[in-house]
C-alpha atoms as a PDB file:
ATOM      1  CA  MET A   1     -19.832  71.614 -17.260  1.00  0.00           C
ATOM      2  CA  ASN A   2     -23.386  70.302 -17.521  1.00  0.00           C
ATOM      3  CA  LEU A   3     -24.418  66.669 -17.307  1.00  0.00           C
ATOM      4  CA  THR A   4     -27.893  65.328 -17.838  1.00  0.00           C
ATOM      5  CA  ILE A   5     -28.883  62.066 -16.196  1.00  0.00           C
ATOM      6  CA  GLU A   6     -32.232  60.494 -16.959  1.00  0.00           C
ATOM      7  CA  ILE A   7     -33.461  58.122 -14.275  1.00  0.00           C
ATOM      8  CA  GLU A   8     -36.598  56.104 -14.903  1.00  0.00           C
ATOM      9  CA  ASP A   9     -37.091  54.580 -11.439  1.00  0.00           C
ATOM     10  CA  GLN A  10     -38.203  57.037  -8.734  1.00  0.00           C
ATOM     11  CA  GLU A  11     -36.379  55.059  -6.015  1.00  0.00           C
ATOM     12  CA  ASN A  12     -33.099  55.340  -7.914  1.00  0.00           C
ATOM     13  CA  TYR A  13     -33.691  59.061  -8.417  1.00  0.00           C
ATOM     14  CA  LEU A  14     -33.702  59.751  -4.689  1.00  0.00           C
ATOM     15  CA  PHE A  15     -30.557  57.651  -4.183  1.00  0.00           C
ATOM     16  CA  ILE A  16     -28.680  59.317  -7.062  1.00  0.00           C
ATOM     17  CA  LYS A  17     -29.801  62.788  -5.958  1.00  0.00           C
ATOM     18  CA  GLU A  18     -28.497  62.186  -2.448  1.00  0.00           C
ATOM     19  CA  LEU A  19     -25.249  60.681  -3.730  1.00  0.00           C
ATOM     20  CA  LEU A  20     -24.566  63.562  -6.120  1.00  0.00           C
ATOM     21  CA  GLY A  21     -25.551  66.106  -3.476  1.00  0.00           C
ATOM     22  CA  ARG A  22     -22.652  64.907  -1.331  1.00  0.00           C
ATOM     23  CA  LEU A  23     -20.088  65.798  -4.013  1.00  0.00           C
ATOM     24  CA  GLU A  24     -18.449  69.186  -3.685  1.00  0.00           C
ATOM     25  CA  GLY A  25     -19.294  71.599  -6.495  1.00  0.00           C
ATOM     26  CA  VAL A  26     -22.309  69.626  -7.730  1.00  0.00           C
ATOM     27  CA  LYS A  27     -25.584  71.459  -8.117  1.00  0.00           C
ATOM     28  CA  ILE A  28     -28.761  69.535  -8.899  1.00  0.00           C
ATOM     29  CA  VAL A  29     -31.122  71.371 -11.221  1.00  0.00           C
ATOM     30  CA  LYS A  30     -34.540  69.840 -11.739  1.00  0.00           C
ATOM     31  CA  ASN A  31     -35.968  70.206 -15.213  1.00  0.00           C
ATOM     32  CA  ASP A  32     -39.717  70.196 -15.408  1.00  0.00           C
ATOM     33  CA  TYR A  33     -40.006  69.576 -19.134  1.00  0.00           C
ATOM     34  CA  GLU A  34     -40.424  66.334 -21.013  1.00  0.00           C
ATOM     35  CA  THR A  35     -37.507  65.222 -23.162  1.00  0.00           C
ATOM     36  CA  VAL A  36     -36.948  62.891 -26.098  1.00  0.00           C
ATOM     37  CA  GLU A  37     -33.429  61.590 -26.638  1.00  0.00           C
ATOM     38  CA  GLY A  38     -32.133  64.179 -24.179  1.00  0.00           C
ATOM     39  CA  LEU A  39     -33.731  67.174 -25.917  1.00  0.00           C
ATOM     40  CA  PRO A  40     -36.810  69.085 -24.811  1.00  0.00           C
ATOM     41  CA  ILE A  41     -39.929  68.143 -26.784  1.00  0.00           C
ATOM     42  CA  SER A  42     -40.243  71.787 -27.851  1.00  0.00           C
ATOM     43  CA  VAL A  43     -37.140  71.306 -30.033  1.00  0.00           C
ATOM     44  CA  PHE A  44     -38.831  68.490 -31.948  1.00  0.00           C
ATOM     45  CA  GLU A  45     -42.031  70.546 -32.226  1.00  0.00           C
ATOM     46  CA  LYS A  46     -40.087  73.471 -33.753  1.00  0.00           C
ATOM     47  CA  ILE A  47     -38.338  71.138 -36.205  1.00  0.00           C
ATOM     48  CA  GLU A  48     -41.690  69.629 -37.199  1.00  0.00           C
ATOM     49  CA  LYS A  49     -43.191  73.096 -37.683  1.00  0.00           C
ATOM     50  CA  TYR A  50     -40.192  74.110 -39.817  1.00  0.00           C
ATOM     51  CA  GLY A  51     -40.525  70.917 -41.879  1.00  0.00           C
ATOM     52  CA  GLU A  52     -44.185  71.647 -42.540  1.00  0.00           C
ATOM     53  CA  SER A  53     -43.290  75.137 -43.795  1.00  0.00           C
ATOM     54  CA  LEU A  54     -40.886  73.837 -46.456  1.00  0.00           C
ATOM     55  CA  LYS A  55     -41.967  73.969 -50.083  1.00  0.00           C
ATOM     56  CA  ASP A  56     -40.908  71.791 -53.006  1.00  0.00           C
ATOM     57  CA  GLU A  57     -38.511  74.488 -54.260  1.00  0.00           C
ATOM     58  CA  ASP A  58     -36.732  74.339 -50.871  1.00  0.00           C
ATOM     59  CA  MET A  59     -35.894  70.664 -51.384  1.00  0.00           C
ATOM     60  CA  ILE A  60     -33.115  68.870 -53.231  1.00  0.00           C
ATOM     61  CA  SER A  61     -33.166  65.329 -54.482  1.00  0.00           C
ATOM     62  CA  LYS A  62     -31.409  62.496 -52.685  1.00  0.00           C
ATOM     63  CA  LYS A  63     -29.077  62.209 -55.696  1.00  0.00           C
ATOM     64  CA  ASP A  64     -28.155  65.935 -55.533  1.00  0.00           C
ATOM     65  CA  PHE A  65     -27.689  65.719 -51.770  1.00  0.00           C
ATOM     66  CA  PHE A  66     -25.191  62.864 -52.022  1.00  0.00           C
ATOM     67  CA  LYS A  67     -23.445  64.580 -54.947  1.00  0.00           C
ATOM     68  CA  PHE A  68     -23.004  67.662 -52.752  1.00  0.00           C
ATOM     69  CA  ILE A  69     -21.694  65.518 -49.870  1.00  0.00           C
ATOM     70  CA  ASP A  70     -19.193  63.779 -52.185  1.00  0.00           C
ATOM     71  CA  GLU A  71     -17.970  67.152 -53.497  1.00  0.00           C
ATOM     72  CA  GLU A  72     -17.516  68.479 -49.956  1.00  0.00           C
ATOM     73  CA  ILE A  73     -15.600  65.360 -48.900  1.00  0.00           C
ATOM     74  CA  CYS A  74     -13.296  65.760 -51.900  1.00  0.00           C
ATOM     75  CA  ARG A  75     -12.840  69.465 -51.140  1.00  0.00           C
ATOM     76  CA  LEU A  76     -12.008  68.804 -47.507  1.00  0.00           C
ATOM     77  CA  ASN A  77      -9.637  65.943 -48.354  1.00  0.00           C
ATOM     78  CA  SER A  78      -7.796  68.102 -50.901  1.00  0.00           C
ATOM     79  CA  GLN A  79      -6.980  70.638 -48.160  1.00  0.00           C
ATOM     80  CA  LYS A  80      -4.895  68.096 -46.243  1.00  0.00           C
END
């Protein structure tokens, strides 16, 4: 199991690292990449790049999107 803890204060980091290091079976892995909402920034960069590559014919309207969602909800509810 993986757990990510983001600590903003450097003093707290050292305390938490020492505390977790005392627990059996805990391994501390330092990540050297910047994150946003727990995800590496590269993920957001790839999503942005993908978004820029989309063309108008790739899009659907908000109305069609919600129609599709409503149809899927009905389909899933009918399976119960």
